[in-house]
Amino acid sequence: MRPAKKKAIIIIVVLLALAALAVCAFFAAYGIIYNSAREKHAPVPAGELQPGSDDMIHFLNTGSSDAILIESNGLFALVDCAEDSDNPRGFNSLEMEGYETKVIDYLKSVAGDENGRVTLEFVIGTHAHSDHLGGFDTLISDPDITVKEAYLKRYYEDRISMNEVEEWDNKQVYEQMLSAARERGVPVIQDLDGVTLELGDLTLTLYNTEEAEEGERVGENDNSLAVLVEKGPIRALLMGDVNKNGGVEKDIGRAVGKVDLIKVGHHGYGWSTSNALLSSVKPDIAVFTNRPEWVNFSVKMRLVLTSRSALYSTGEYNGIIAVMGDAAGDIKLYENIHK
């Protein structure tokens, strides 16, 4: 073997060895930070939830869909209502497991009075996808549930990506929710710019309220609302399905700033949760409304390495309850009350 060729082989072997060491060091650092953060905020059994813990966010376990019950001083509101069993267009791809009954049963158990009747001060539909709006028509139509107001961004079929128009049921799900609200006399508020809502000790602020521009076609996730929940210095950001497209995450991050908890956008799939967002909001806790095995590793990596977040999935604990205390950073996590 010629000396030059031998030298080249040695250099390649050394470079490969160094690259392997770098990869091992990276994953070791990731693992250390990941495990340390999770241990710090690990959810405790629901049996330890103290009576009088009034300010809570209930992240229900509804597969890879969103249903988030917010509670303060005996008042309740709901952000999204999970995937439903309905398939109005009859597409095989839209045959999904529905969770509307599970959501309603949970509400009647947690928020119901002695007769099982529930009053929701308001509901918020983040955007017109069935894994967020799907259960609302069933919930609103339930005679034992009273919804005082509904906040829902307008949906324009002519401003949505053609693949969603042709293959999804956005329009049907949106119109089903509006129809149920009309039949029950629920006011639907759709002018959302500058909307701030009060719920007991909590203040909720809506972001990404601008409507899609006429003549432009975007994915409906680009239109998703985000919701900031605040109790004094404690802040939780619910990102709906907001993703990295169009710089919306970056704008929200700059507007919101540091938070204690984030409900990760779009269930933790790979096109959400940019470094631009995380460098602004720096959440201590991140909750995925998803099964843990379906969360994209690149999203987890960004959360761990950019903001040192503790990561948890609703699928791990059959739901997660975040109790908001009174001091800065005082959020404690519990496993779901109802197994």
C-alpha atoms as a PDB file:
ATOM      1  CA  MET A   1       0.000   0.000   0.000  1.00  0.00           C
ATOM      2  CA  ARG A   2       1.340   3.397  -0.969  1.00  0.00           C
ATOM      3  CA  PRO A   3       2.192   5.703   1.967  1.00  0.00           C
ATOM      4  CA  ALA A   4      -0.169   8.416   0.703  1.00  0.00           C
ATOM      5  CA  LYS A   5      -3.095   5.992   0.462  1.00  0.00           C
ATOM      6  CA  LYS A   6      -2.300   4.539   3.890  1.00  0.00           C
ATOM      7  CA  LYS A   7      -2.197   8.031   5.369  1.00  0.00           C
ATOM      8  CA  ALA A   8      -5.566   8.876   3.810  1.00  0.00           C
ATOM      9  CA  ILE A   9      -7.143   5.736   5.271  1.00  0.00           C
ATOM     10  CA  ILE A  10      -5.775   6.564   8.721  1.00  0.00           C
ATOM     11  CA  ILE A  11      -7.188  10.092   8.482  1.00  0.00           C
ATOM     12  CA  ILE A  12     -10.615   8.764   7.464  1.00  0.00           C
ATOM     13  CA  VAL A  13     -10.630   6.258  10.328  1.00  0.00           C
ATOM     14  CA  VAL A  14      -9.664   8.962  12.829  1.00  0.00           C
ATOM     15  CA  LEU A  15     -12.359  11.307  11.510  1.00  0.00           C
ATOM     16  CA  LEU A  16     -14.978   8.575  11.720  1.00  0.00           C
ATOM     17  CA  ALA A  17     -13.907   7.769  15.271  1.00  0.00           C
ATOM     18  CA  LEU A  18     -14.119  11.442  16.252  1.00  0.00           C
ATOM     19  CA  ALA A  19     -17.543  11.733  14.636  1.00  0.00           C
ATOM     20  CA  ALA A  20     -18.737   8.659  16.546  1.00  0.00           C
ATOM     21  CA  LEU A  21     -17.440  10.127  19.805  1.00  0.00           C
ATOM     22  CA  ALA A  22     -19.195  13.423  19.063  1.00  0.00           C
ATOM     23  CA  VAL A  23     -22.491  11.606  18.414  1.00  0.00           C
ATOM     24  CA  CYS A  24     -22.101   9.608  21.637  1.00  0.00           C
ATOM     25  CA  ALA A  25     -21.322  12.791  23.593  1.00  0.00           C
ATOM     26  CA  PHE A  26     -24.359  14.526  22.081  1.00  0.00           C
ATOM     27  CA  PHE A  27     -26.755  11.748  23.031  1.00  0.00           C
ATOM     28  CA  ALA A  28     -25.206  11.432  26.476  1.00  0.00           C
ATOM     29  CA  ALA A  29     -25.708  15.160  27.096  1.00  0.00           C
ATOM     30  CA  TYR A  30     -29.263  14.978  25.755  1.00  0.00           C
ATOM     31  CA  GLY A  31     -30.062  12.013  28.007  1.00  0.00           C
ATOM     32  CA  ILE A  32     -28.656  13.685  31.112  1.00  0.00           C
ATOM     33  CA  ILE A  33     -30.639  16.901  30.566  1.00  0.00           C
ATOM     34  CA  TYR A  34     -33.797  15.007  29.553  1.00  0.00           C
ATOM     35  CA  ASN A  35     -33.836  12.743  32.601  1.00  0.00           C
ATOM     36  CA  SER A  36     -32.850  15.476  35.053  1.00  0.00           C
ATOM     37  CA  ALA A  37     -35.645  17.780  33.876  1.00  0.00           C
ATOM     38  CA  ARG A  38     -38.255  14.990  33.958  1.00  0.00           C
ATOM     39  CA  GLU A  39     -37.321  14.008  37.492  1.00  0.00           C
ATOM     40  CA  LYS A  40     -37.708  17.590  38.661  1.00  0.00           C
ATOM     41  CA  HIS A  41     -41.310  17.991  37.475  1.00  0.00           C
ATOM     42  CA  ALA A  42     -42.545  14.384  37.295  1.00  0.00           C
ATOM     43  CA  PRO A  43     -46.345  14.059  37.683  1.00  0.00           C
ATOM     44  CA  VAL A  44     -47.400  12.630  41.029  1.00  0.00           C
ATOM     45  CA  PRO A  45     -50.395  10.335  41.617  1.00  0.00           C
ATOM     46  CA  ALA A  46     -53.756  12.065  41.396  1.00  0.00           C
ATOM     47  CA  GLY A  47     -54.576  10.866  44.916  1.00  0.00           C
ATOM     48  CA  GLU A  48     -52.132  13.476  46.223  1.00  0.00           C
ATOM     49  CA  LEU A  49     -54.099  16.316  44.624  1.00  0.00           C
ATOM     50  CA  GLN A  50     -55.097  18.544  47.516  1.00  0.00           C
ATOM     51  CA  PRO A  51     -58.676  19.763  47.960  1.00  0.00           C
ATOM     52  CA  GLY A  52     -58.949  23.452  47.185  1.00  0.00           C
ATOM     53  CA  SER A  53     -56.401  23.307  44.368  1.00  0.00           C
ATOM     54  CA  ASP A  54     -58.702  25.418  42.267  1.00  0.00           C
ATOM     55  CA  ASP A  55     -56.582  26.690  39.384  1.00  0.00           C
ATOM     56  CA  MET A  56     -55.888  23.813  37.035  1.00  0.00           C
ATOM     57  CA  ILE A  57     -55.372  22.900  33.416  1.00  0.00           C
ATOM     58  CA  HIS A  58     -56.586  19.393  32.582  1.00  0.00           C
ATOM     59  CA  PHE A  59     -54.894  17.936  29.499  1.00  0.00           C
ATOM     60  CA  LEU A  60     -57.137  15.011  28.621  1.00  0.00           C
ATOM     61  CA  ASN A  61     -55.803  11.851  27.034  1.00  0.00           C
ATOM     62  CA  THR A  62     -57.584  11.828  23.674  1.00  0.00           C
ATOM     63  CA  GLY A  63     -55.039  10.060  21.515  1.00  0.00           C
ATOM     64  CA  SER A  64     -53.337  12.572  19.245  1.00  0.00           C
ATOM     65  CA  SER A  65     -56.062  15.194  19.563  1.00  0.00           C
ATOM     66  CA  ASP A  66     -56.667  18.164  21.881  1.00  0.00           C
ATOM     67  CA  ALA A  67     -59.212  18.584  24.678  1.00  0.00           C
ATOM     68  CA  ILE A  68     -58.058  20.918  27.449  1.00  0.00           C
ATOM     69  CA  LEU A  69     -60.297  21.764  30.409  1.00  0.00           C
ATOM     70  CA  ILE A  70     -59.405  24.915  32.324  1.00  0.00           C
ATOM     71  CA  GLU A  71     -60.661  25.354  35.889  1.00  0.00           C
ATOM     72  CA  SER A  72     -60.536  28.241  38.351  1.00  0.00           C
ATOM     73  CA  ASN A  73     -62.608  28.913  41.461  1.00  0.00           C
ATOM     74  CA  GLY A  74     -65.335  26.526  40.399  1.00  0.00           C
ATOM     75  CA  LEU A  75     -65.568  27.987  36.890  1.00  0.00           C
ATOM     76  CA  PHE A  76     -64.737  25.984  33.769  1.00  0.00           C
ATOM     77  CA  ALA A  77     -63.799  26.553  30.137  1.00  0.00           C
ATOM     78  CA  LEU A  78     -62.752  24.177  27.368  1.00  0.00           C
ATOM     79  CA  VAL A  79     -60.113  24.652  24.682  1.00  0.00           C
ATOM     80  CA  ASP A  80     -60.844  22.244  21.811  1.00  0.00           C
ATOM     81  CA  CYS A  81     -62.924  19.096  22.088  1.00  0.00           C
ATOM     82  CA  ALA A  82     -60.905  16.226  20.589  1.00  0.00           C
ATOM     83  CA  GLU A  83     -61.417  13.958  17.602  1.00  0.00           C
ATOM     84  CA  ASP A  84     -64.951  12.704  17.008  1.00  0.00           C
ATOM     85  CA  SER A  85     -66.404   9.507  15.586  1.00  0.00           C
ATOM     86  CA  ASP A  86     -68.172  11.250  12.726  1.00  0.00           C
ATOM     87  CA  ASN A  87     -66.933  10.907   9.146  1.00  0.00           C
ATOM     88  CA  PRO A  88     -69.187  13.251   7.175  1.00  0.00           C
ATOM     89  CA  ARG A  89     -67.416  12.729   3.836  1.00  0.00           C
ATOM     90  CA  GLY A  90     -67.080   8.957   4.175  1.00  0.00           C
ATOM     91  CA  PHE A  91     -63.334   8.866   3.456  1.00  0.00           C
ATOM     92  CA  ASN A  92     -61.446   5.811   4.709  1.00  0.00           C
ATOM     93  CA  SER A  93     -58.591   8.085   5.755  1.00  0.00           C
ATOM     94  CA  LEU A  94     -60.987   9.940   8.074  1.00  0.00           C
ATOM     95  CA  GLU A  95     -62.172   6.866   9.962  1.00  0.00           C
ATOM     96  CA  MET A  96     -60.800   7.953  13.330  1.00  0.00           C
ATOM     97  CA  GLU A  97     -61.340   6.843  16.901  1.00  0.00           C
ATOM     98  CA  GLY A  98     -63.694   9.354  18.483  1.00  0.00           C
ATOM     99  CA  TYR A  99     -63.322  10.751  21.990  1.00  0.00           C
ATOM    100  CA  GLU A 100     -66.416  12.958  22.291  1.00  0.00           C
ATOM    101  CA  THR A 101     -68.072  10.640  24.818  1.00  0.00           C
ATOM    102  CA  LYS A 102     -64.904  10.446  26.886  1.00  0.00           C
ATOM    103  CA  VAL A 103     -64.618  14.248  26.973  1.00  0.00           C
ATOM    104  CA  ILE A 104     -68.259  14.680  27.987  1.00  0.00           C
ATOM    105  CA  ASP A 105     -67.997  12.017  30.687  1.00  0.00           C
ATOM    106  CA  TYR A 106     -64.874  13.684  32.051  1.00  0.00           C
ATOM    107  CA  LEU A 107     -66.556  17.077  32.167  1.00  0.00           C
ATOM    108  CA  LYS A 108     -69.608  15.705  33.967  1.00  0.00           C
ATOM    109  CA  SER A 109     -67.381  13.991  36.509  1.00  0.00           C
ATOM    110  CA  VAL A 110     -65.019  16.917  37.136  1.00  0.00           C
ATOM    111  CA  ALA A 111     -67.164  19.979  36.392  1.00  0.00           C
ATOM    112  CA  GLY A 112     -70.684  18.666  36.947  1.00  0.00           C
ATOM    113  CA  ASP A 113     -72.969  19.672  39.789  1.00  0.00           C
ATOM    114  CA  GLU A 114     -74.830  17.192  42.002  1.00  0.00           C
ATOM    115  CA  ASN A 115     -77.106  16.408  39.056  1.00  0.00           C
ATOM    116  CA  GLY A 116     -74.263  15.963  36.591  1.00  0.00           C
ATOM    117  CA  ARG A 117     -75.003  19.253  34.834  1.00  0.00           C
ATOM    118  CA  VAL A 118     -72.060  21.241  33.523  1.00  0.00           C
ATOM    119  CA  THR A 119     -71.695  24.956  32.830  1.00  0.00           C
ATOM    120  CA  LEU A 120     -68.811  26.126  30.662  1.00  0.00           C
ATOM    121  CA  GLU A 121     -68.204  29.867  30.803  1.00  0.00           C
ATOM    122  CA  PHE A 122     -66.794  29.635  27.292  1.00  0.00           C
ATOM    123  CA  VAL A 123     -65.247  27.258  24.797  1.00  0.00           C
ATOM    124  CA  ILE A 124     -62.450  28.012  22.333  1.00  0.00           C
ATOM    125  CA  GLY A 125     -62.010  26.208  19.032  1.00  0.00           C
ATOM    126  CA  THR A 126     -58.447  26.785  17.888  1.00  0.00           C
ATOM    127  CA  HIS A 127     -58.968  25.828  14.225  1.00  0.00           C
ATOM    128  CA  ALA A 128     -61.139  23.790  11.878  1.00  0.00           C
ATOM    129  CA  HIS A 129     -59.550  20.355  12.120  1.00  0.00           C
ATOM    130  CA  SER A 130     -61.557  17.422  13.430  1.00  0.00           C
ATOM    131  CA  ASP A 131     -58.952  16.521  16.066  1.00  0.00           C
ATOM    132  CA  HIS A 132     -59.688  19.901  17.662  1.00  0.00           C
ATOM    133  CA  LEU A 133     -63.288  20.818  16.794  1.00  0.00           C
ATOM    134  CA  GLY A 134     -64.675  17.331  16.207  1.00  0.00           C
ATOM    135  CA  GLY A 135     -66.434  16.766  19.528  1.00  0.00           C
ATOM    136  CA  PHE A 136     -67.909  20.244  19.924  1.00  0.00           C
ATOM    137  CA  ASP A 137     -71.197  19.598  18.124  1.00  0.00           C
ATOM    138  CA  THR A 138     -71.919  16.630  20.391  1.00  0.00           C
ATOM    139  CA  LEU A 139     -70.864  18.497  23.525  1.00  0.00           C
ATOM    140  CA  ILE A 140     -72.832  21.650  22.740  1.00  0.00           C
ATOM    141  CA  SER A 141     -75.919  19.574  21.900  1.00  0.00           C
ATOM    142  CA  ASP A 142     -75.834  17.690  25.208  1.00  0.00           C
ATOM    143  CA  PRO A 143     -78.840  18.867  27.267  1.00  0.00           C
ATOM    144  CA  ASP A 144     -76.846  18.581  30.497  1.00  0.00           C
ATOM    145  CA  ILE A 145     -74.096  20.941  29.279  1.00  0.00           C
ATOM    146  CA  THR A 146     -74.527  24.706  29.050  1.00  0.00           C
ATOM    147  CA  VAL A 147     -72.001  26.689  27.020  1.00  0.00           C
ATOM    148  CA  LYS A 148     -72.288  30.418  27.621  1.00  0.00           C
ATOM    149  CA  GLU A 149     -70.061  31.573  24.736  1.00  0.00           C
ATOM    150  CA  ALA A 150     -67.987  30.063  21.936  1.00  0.00           C
ATOM    151  CA  TYR A 151     -64.864  31.629  20.440  1.00  0.00           C
ATOM    152  CA  LEU A 152     -64.074  30.339  16.975  1.00  0.00           C
ATOM    153  CA  LYS A 153     -61.888  31.721  14.224  1.00  0.00           C
ATOM    154  CA  ARG A 154     -63.622  32.029  10.845  1.00  0.00           C
ATOM    155  CA  TYR A 155     -62.929  29.316   8.289  1.00  0.00           C
ATOM    156  CA  TYR A 156     -62.659  30.185   4.611  1.00  0.00           C
ATOM    157  CA  GLU A 157     -62.676  27.201   2.257  1.00  0.00           C
ATOM    158  CA  ASP A 158     -61.253  29.300  -0.600  1.00  0.00           C
ATOM    159  CA  ARG A 159     -58.218  30.222   1.515  1.00  0.00           C
ATOM    160  CA  ILE A 160     -57.209  26.677   2.503  1.00  0.00           C
ATOM    161  CA  SER A 161     -54.786  24.297   0.791  1.00  0.00           C
ATOM    162  CA  MET A 162     -56.453  22.298  -1.972  1.00  0.00           C
ATOM    163  CA  ASN A 163     -55.443  18.924  -0.508  1.00  0.00           C
ATOM    164  CA  GLU A 164     -57.369  19.781   2.680  1.00  0.00           C
ATOM    165  CA  VAL A 165     -60.374  21.001   0.689  1.00  0.00           C
ATOM    166  CA  GLU A 166     -60.455  17.816  -1.388  1.00  0.00           C
ATOM    167  CA  GLU A 167     -59.466  15.181   1.171  1.00  0.00           C
ATOM    168  CA  TRP A 168     -60.336  16.480   4.661  1.00  0.00           C
ATOM    169  CA  ASP A 169     -63.560  17.473   6.437  1.00  0.00           C
ATOM    170  CA  ASN A 170     -62.629  20.927   7.738  1.00  0.00           C
ATOM    171  CA  LYS A 171     -65.732  22.657   6.376  1.00  0.00           C
ATOM    172  CA  GLN A 172     -68.108  19.994   7.655  1.00  0.00           C
ATOM    173  CA  VAL A 173     -66.618  19.960  11.169  1.00  0.00           C
ATOM    174  CA  TYR A 174     -66.653  23.771  11.329  1.00  0.00           C
ATOM    175  CA  GLU A 175     -70.260  23.999  10.158  1.00  0.00           C
ATOM    176  CA  GLN A 176     -71.391  21.245  12.537  1.00  0.00           C
ATOM    177  CA  MET A 177     -70.050  23.243  15.480  1.00  0.00           C
ATOM    178  CA  LEU A 178     -71.738  26.434  14.265  1.00  0.00           C
ATOM    179  CA  SER A 179     -75.010  24.604  13.683  1.00  0.00           C
ATOM    180  CA  ALA A 180     -74.998  23.073  17.172  1.00  0.00           C
ATOM    181  CA  ALA A 181     -74.283  26.496  18.680  1.00  0.00           C
ATOM    182  CA  ARG A 182     -77.183  28.074  16.764  1.00  0.00           C
ATOM    183  CA  GLU A 183     -79.586  25.341  17.847  1.00  0.00           C
ATOM    184  CA  ARG A 184     -78.641  25.776  21.526  1.00  0.00           C
ATOM    185  CA  GLY A 185     -78.523  29.579  21.337  1.00  0.00           C
ATOM    186  CA  VAL A 186     -74.808  29.789  22.094  1.00  0.00           C
ATOM    187  CA  PRO A 187     -73.275  33.117  20.999  1.00  0.00           C
ATOM    188  CA  VAL A 188     -70.310  32.551  18.668  1.00  0.00           C
ATOM    189  CA  ILE A 189     -67.653  35.272  18.763  1.00  0.00           C
ATOM    190  CA  GLN A 190     -65.445  35.351  15.666  1.00  0.00           C
ATOM    191  CA  ASP A 191     -63.890  38.833  15.765  1.00  0.00           C
ATOM    192  CA  LEU A 192     -60.978  37.774  17.918  1.00  0.00           C
ATOM    193  CA  ASP A 193     -58.373  40.526  17.640  1.00  0.00           C
ATOM    194  CA  GLY A 194     -57.495  41.789  21.105  1.00  0.00           C
ATOM    195  CA  VAL A 195     -59.732  39.257  22.875  1.00  0.00           C
ATOM    196  CA  THR A 196     -58.876  38.636  26.518  1.00  0.00           C
ATOM    197  CA  LEU A 197     -61.035  36.358  28.675  1.00  0.00           C
ATOM    198  CA  GLU A 198     -61.337  36.070  32.449  1.00  0.00           C
ATOM    199  CA  LEU A 199     -61.987  32.805  34.260  1.00  0.00           C
ATOM    200  CA  GLY A 200     -61.810  33.061  38.040  1.00  0.00           C
ATOM    201  CA  ASP A 201     -58.186  33.810  38.916  1.00  0.00           C
ATOM    202  CA  LEU A 202     -57.059  33.244  35.336  1.00  0.00           C
ATOM    203  CA  THR A 203     -56.670  35.481  32.301  1.00  0.00           C
ATOM    204  CA  LEU A 204     -56.670  33.988  28.808  1.00  0.00           C
ATOM    205  CA  THR A 205     -55.285  35.863  25.794  1.00  0.00           C
ATOM    206  CA  LEU A 206     -55.663  34.741  22.189  1.00  0.00           C
ATOM    207  CA  TYR A 207     -52.829  34.894  19.651  1.00  0.00           C
ATOM    208  CA  ASN A 208     -52.671  34.432  15.873  1.00  0.00           C
ATOM    209  CA  THR A 209     -56.153  35.877  15.577  1.00  0.00           C
ATOM    210  CA  GLU A 210     -55.614  37.392  12.113  1.00  0.00           C
ATOM    211  CA  GLU A 211     -57.664  35.701   9.415  1.00  0.00           C
ATOM    212  CA  ALA A 212     -56.100  34.195   6.300  1.00  0.00           C
ATOM    213  CA  GLU A 213     -55.782  36.726   3.498  1.00  0.00           C
ATOM    214  CA  GLU A 214     -58.074  36.548   0.505  1.00  0.00           C
ATOM    215  CA  GLY A 215     -56.430  34.936  -2.520  1.00  0.00           C
ATOM    216  CA  GLU A 216     -53.921  32.997  -0.409  1.00  0.00           C
ATOM    217  CA  ARG A 217     -54.158  29.258   0.282  1.00  0.00           C
ATOM    218  CA  VAL A 218     -52.574  27.974   3.478  1.00  0.00           C
ATOM    219  CA  GLY A 219     -52.811  24.904   5.665  1.00  0.00           C
ATOM    220  CA  GLU A 220     -55.435  25.249   8.376  1.00  0.00           C
ATOM    221  CA  ASN A 221     -52.745  24.757  11.027  1.00  0.00           C
ATOM    222  CA  ASP A 222     -51.351  28.132   9.936  1.00  0.00           C
ATOM    223  CA  ASN A 223     -54.646  29.627  11.130  1.00  0.00           C
ATOM    224  CA  SER A 224     -54.610  27.951  14.533  1.00  0.00           C
ATOM    225  CA  LEU A 225     -55.117  30.091  17.590  1.00  0.00           C
ATOM    226  CA  ALA A 226     -52.708  29.942  20.491  1.00  0.00           C
ATOM    227  CA  VAL A 227     -53.943  30.652  24.032  1.00  0.00           C
ATOM    228  CA  LEU A 228     -51.913  32.133  26.878  1.00  0.00           C
ATOM    229  CA  VAL A 229     -53.253  31.237  30.342  1.00  0.00           C
ATOM    230  CA  GLU A 230     -51.983  33.450  33.173  1.00  0.00           C
ATOM    231  CA  LYS A 231     -52.352  33.468  36.934  1.00  0.00           C
ATOM    232  CA  GLY A 232     -50.269  36.321  38.276  1.00  0.00           C
ATOM    233  CA  PRO A 233     -46.666  35.407  37.437  1.00  0.00           C
ATOM    234  CA  ILE A 234     -47.527  31.865  36.305  1.00  0.00           C
ATOM    235  CA  ARG A 235     -47.957  31.407  32.570  1.00  0.00           C
ATOM    236  CA  ALA A 236     -48.985  28.466  30.377  1.00  0.00           C
ATOM    237  CA  LEU A 237     -49.024  28.688  26.580  1.00  0.00           C
ATOM    238  CA  LEU A 238     -51.367  26.400  24.627  1.00  0.00           C
ATOM    239  CA  MET A 239     -50.080  26.339  21.048  1.00  0.00           C
ATOM    240  CA  GLY A 240     -52.975  24.553  19.339  1.00  0.00           C
ATOM    241  CA  ASP A 241     -51.565  23.351  16.009  1.00  0.00           C
ATOM    242  CA  VAL A 242     -49.444  26.421  15.333  1.00  0.00           C
ATOM    243  CA  ASN A 243     -46.387  25.310  13.361  1.00  0.00           C
ATOM    244  CA  LYS A 244     -43.154  26.774  12.007  1.00  0.00           C
ATOM    245  CA  ASN A 245     -44.605  27.930   8.673  1.00  0.00           C
ATOM    246  CA  GLY A 246     -44.778  31.621   7.918  1.00  0.00           C
ATOM    247  CA  GLY A 247     -42.998  32.756  11.074  1.00  0.00           C
ATOM    248  CA  VAL A 248     -46.136  32.612  13.253  1.00  0.00           C
ATOM    249  CA  GLU A 249     -44.354  30.718  16.050  1.00  0.00           C
ATOM    250  CA  LYS A 250     -41.608  33.316  16.111  1.00  0.00           C
ATOM    251  CA  ASP A 251     -44.121  36.170  16.316  1.00  0.00           C
ATOM    252  CA  ILE A 252     -46.017  34.486  19.151  1.00  0.00           C
ATOM    253  CA  GLY A 253     -42.810  33.796  21.037  1.00  0.00           C
ATOM    254  CA  ARG A 254     -41.714  37.409  20.846  1.00  0.00           C
ATOM    255  CA  ALA A 255     -45.136  38.657  21.924  1.00  0.00           C
ATOM    256  CA  VAL A 256     -45.510  36.227  24.837  1.00  0.00           C
ATOM    257  CA  GLY A 257     -42.002  35.847  26.279  1.00  0.00           C
ATOM    258  CA  LYS A 258     -41.062  33.423  29.052  1.00  0.00           C
ATOM    259  CA  VAL A 259     -43.642  30.831  30.136  1.00  0.00           C
ATOM    260  CA  ASP A 260     -43.666  28.083  32.743  1.00  0.00           C
ATOM    261  CA  LEU A 261     -45.480  25.491  30.636  1.00  0.00           C
ATOM    262  CA  ILE A 262     -46.154  24.929  26.957  1.00  0.00           C
ATOM    263  CA  LYS A 263     -48.725  22.655  25.352  1.00  0.00           C
ATOM    264  CA  VAL A 264     -46.554  21.752  22.406  1.00  0.00           C
ATOM    265  CA  GLY A 265     -47.946  22.760  19.028  1.00  0.00           C
ATOM    266  CA  HIS A 266     -49.365  20.134  16.662  1.00  0.00           C
ATOM    267  CA  HIS A 267     -48.944  17.261  19.117  1.00  0.00           C
ATOM    268  CA  GLY A 268     -45.163  17.345  18.810  1.00  0.00           C
ATOM    269  CA  TYR A 269     -44.937  16.441  15.143  1.00  0.00           C
ATOM    270  CA  GLY A 270     -41.801  17.484  13.305  1.00  0.00           C
ATOM    271  CA  TRP A 271     -43.000  20.742  11.765  1.00  0.00           C
ATOM    272  CA  SER A 272     -43.711  22.443  15.094  1.00  0.00           C
ATOM    273  CA  THR A 273     -41.772  24.032  17.961  1.00  0.00           C
ATOM    274  CA  SER A 274     -38.953  25.948  16.335  1.00  0.00           C
ATOM    275  CA  ASN A 275     -35.843  27.194  18.099  1.00  0.00           C
ATOM    276  CA  ALA A 276     -37.106  30.712  17.359  1.00  0.00           C
ATOM    277  CA  LEU A 277     -40.167  30.033  19.535  1.00  0.00           C
ATOM    278  CA  LEU A 278     -38.274  28.246  22.295  1.00  0.00           C
ATOM    279  CA  SER A 279     -35.573  30.866  22.587  1.00  0.00           C
ATOM    280  CA  SER A 280     -38.330  33.324  23.575  1.00  0.00           C
ATOM    281  CA  VAL A 281     -40.722  31.250  25.689  1.00  0.00           C
ATOM    282  CA  LYS A 282     -38.181  28.897  27.375  1.00  0.00           C
ATOM    283  CA  PRO A 283     -40.787  26.608  28.993  1.00  0.00           C
ATOM    284  CA  ASP A 284     -39.806  24.645  32.082  1.00  0.00           C
ATOM    285  CA  ILE A 285     -42.481  22.036  31.282  1.00  0.00           C
ATOM    286  CA  ALA A 286     -43.698  20.762  27.907  1.00  0.00           C
ATOM    287  CA  VAL A 287     -46.858  18.689  27.504  1.00  0.00           C
ATOM    288  CA  PHE A 288     -47.570  16.692  24.353  1.00  0.00           C
ATOM    289  CA  THR A 289     -51.185  15.786  23.614  1.00  0.00           C
ATOM    290  CA  ASN A 290     -50.087  12.573  21.982  1.00  0.00           C
ATOM    291  CA  ARG A 291     -48.714   9.113  22.538  1.00  0.00           C
ATOM    292  CA  PRO A 292     -45.040   9.396  23.488  1.00  0.00           C
ATOM    293  CA  GLU A 293     -43.886   7.157  20.648  1.00  0.00           C
ATOM    294  CA  TRP A 294     -45.480   9.457  18.077  1.00  0.00           C
ATOM    295  CA  VAL A 295     -43.631  12.601  19.204  1.00  0.00           C
ATOM    296  CA  ASN A 296     -40.914  13.633  16.763  1.00  0.00           C
ATOM    297  CA  PHE A 297     -37.379  13.320  18.155  1.00  0.00           C
ATOM    298  CA  SER A 298     -36.237  16.599  16.617  1.00  0.00           C
ATOM    299  CA  VAL A 299     -38.991  18.409  18.546  1.00  0.00           C
ATOM    300  CA  LYS A 300     -37.943  16.733  21.791  1.00  0.00           C
ATOM    301  CA  MET A 301     -34.317  17.561  21.047  1.00  0.00           C
ATOM    302  CA  ARG A 302     -35.086  21.248  20.559  1.00  0.00           C
ATOM    303  CA  LEU A 303     -37.109  21.396  23.777  1.00  0.00           C
ATOM    304  CA  VAL A 304     -34.402  19.669  25.784  1.00  0.00           C
ATOM    305  CA  LEU A 305     -31.353  21.431  24.373  1.00  0.00           C
ATOM    306  CA  THR A 306     -32.791  24.900  23.684  1.00  0.00           C
ATOM    307  CA  SER A 307     -35.017  25.420  26.729  1.00  0.00           C
ATOM    308  CA  ARG A 308     -34.097  22.517  29.081  1.00  0.00           C
ATOM    309  CA  SER A 309     -37.799  21.585  29.242  1.00  0.00           C
ATOM    310  CA  ALA A 310     -39.214  18.586  31.101  1.00  0.00           C
ATOM    311  CA  LEU A 311     -41.196  16.539  28.569  1.00  0.00           C
ATOM    312  CA  TYR A 312     -44.406  14.620  29.267  1.00  0.00           C
ATOM    313  CA  SER A 313     -47.127  13.097  27.091  1.00  0.00           C
ATOM    314  CA  THR A 314     -50.792  12.688  27.928  1.00  0.00           C
ATOM    315  CA  GLY A 315     -50.519   9.129  26.648  1.00  0.00           C
ATOM    316  CA  GLU A 316     -48.052   8.301  29.433  1.00  0.00           C
ATOM    317  CA  TYR A 317     -50.400   9.191  32.293  1.00  0.00           C
ATOM    318  CA  ASN A 318     -53.870   8.931  30.713  1.00  0.00           C
ATOM    319  CA  GLY A 319     -53.899  12.718  30.893  1.00  0.00           C
ATOM    320  CA  ILE A 320     -52.038  15.326  32.914  1.00  0.00           C
ATOM    321  CA  ILE A 321     -53.320  17.975  35.322  1.00  0.00           C
ATOM    322  CA  ALA A 322     -51.247  21.113  35.862  1.00  0.00           C
ATOM    323  CA  VAL A 323     -52.075  22.905  39.126  1.00  0.00           C
ATOM    324  CA  MET A 324     -51.103  26.575  39.146  1.00  0.00           C
ATOM    325  CA  GLY A 325     -50.020  27.901  42.535  1.00  0.00           C
ATOM    326  CA  ASP A 326     -49.427  31.485  43.593  1.00  0.00           C
ATOM    327  CA  ALA A 327     -45.675  32.033  43.337  1.00  0.00           C
ATOM    328  CA  ALA A 328     -43.593  32.372  40.190  1.00  0.00           C
ATOM    329  CA  GLY A 329     -42.856  28.976  38.692  1.00  0.00           C
ATOM    330  CA  ASP A 330     -45.287  27.207  41.018  1.00  0.00           C
ATOM    331  CA  ILE A 331     -46.799  24.575  38.744  1.00  0.00           C
ATOM    332  CA  LYS A 332     -47.223  21.004  39.924  1.00  0.00           C
ATOM    333  CA  LEU A 333     -48.212  18.126  37.675  1.00  0.00           C
ATOM    334  CA  TYR A 334     -50.553  15.277  38.560  1.00  0.00           C
ATOM    335  CA  GLU A 335     -51.630  12.163  36.754  1.00  0.00           C
ATOM    336  CA  ASN A 336     -55.193  12.132  35.487  1.00  0.00           C
ATOM    337  CA  ILE A 337     -57.796  11.827  38.242  1.00  0.00           C
ATOM    338  CA  HIS A 338     -59.973   9.405  36.308  1.00  0.00           C
ATOM    339  CA  LYS A 339     -58.339   6.242  35.012  1.00  0.00           C
END
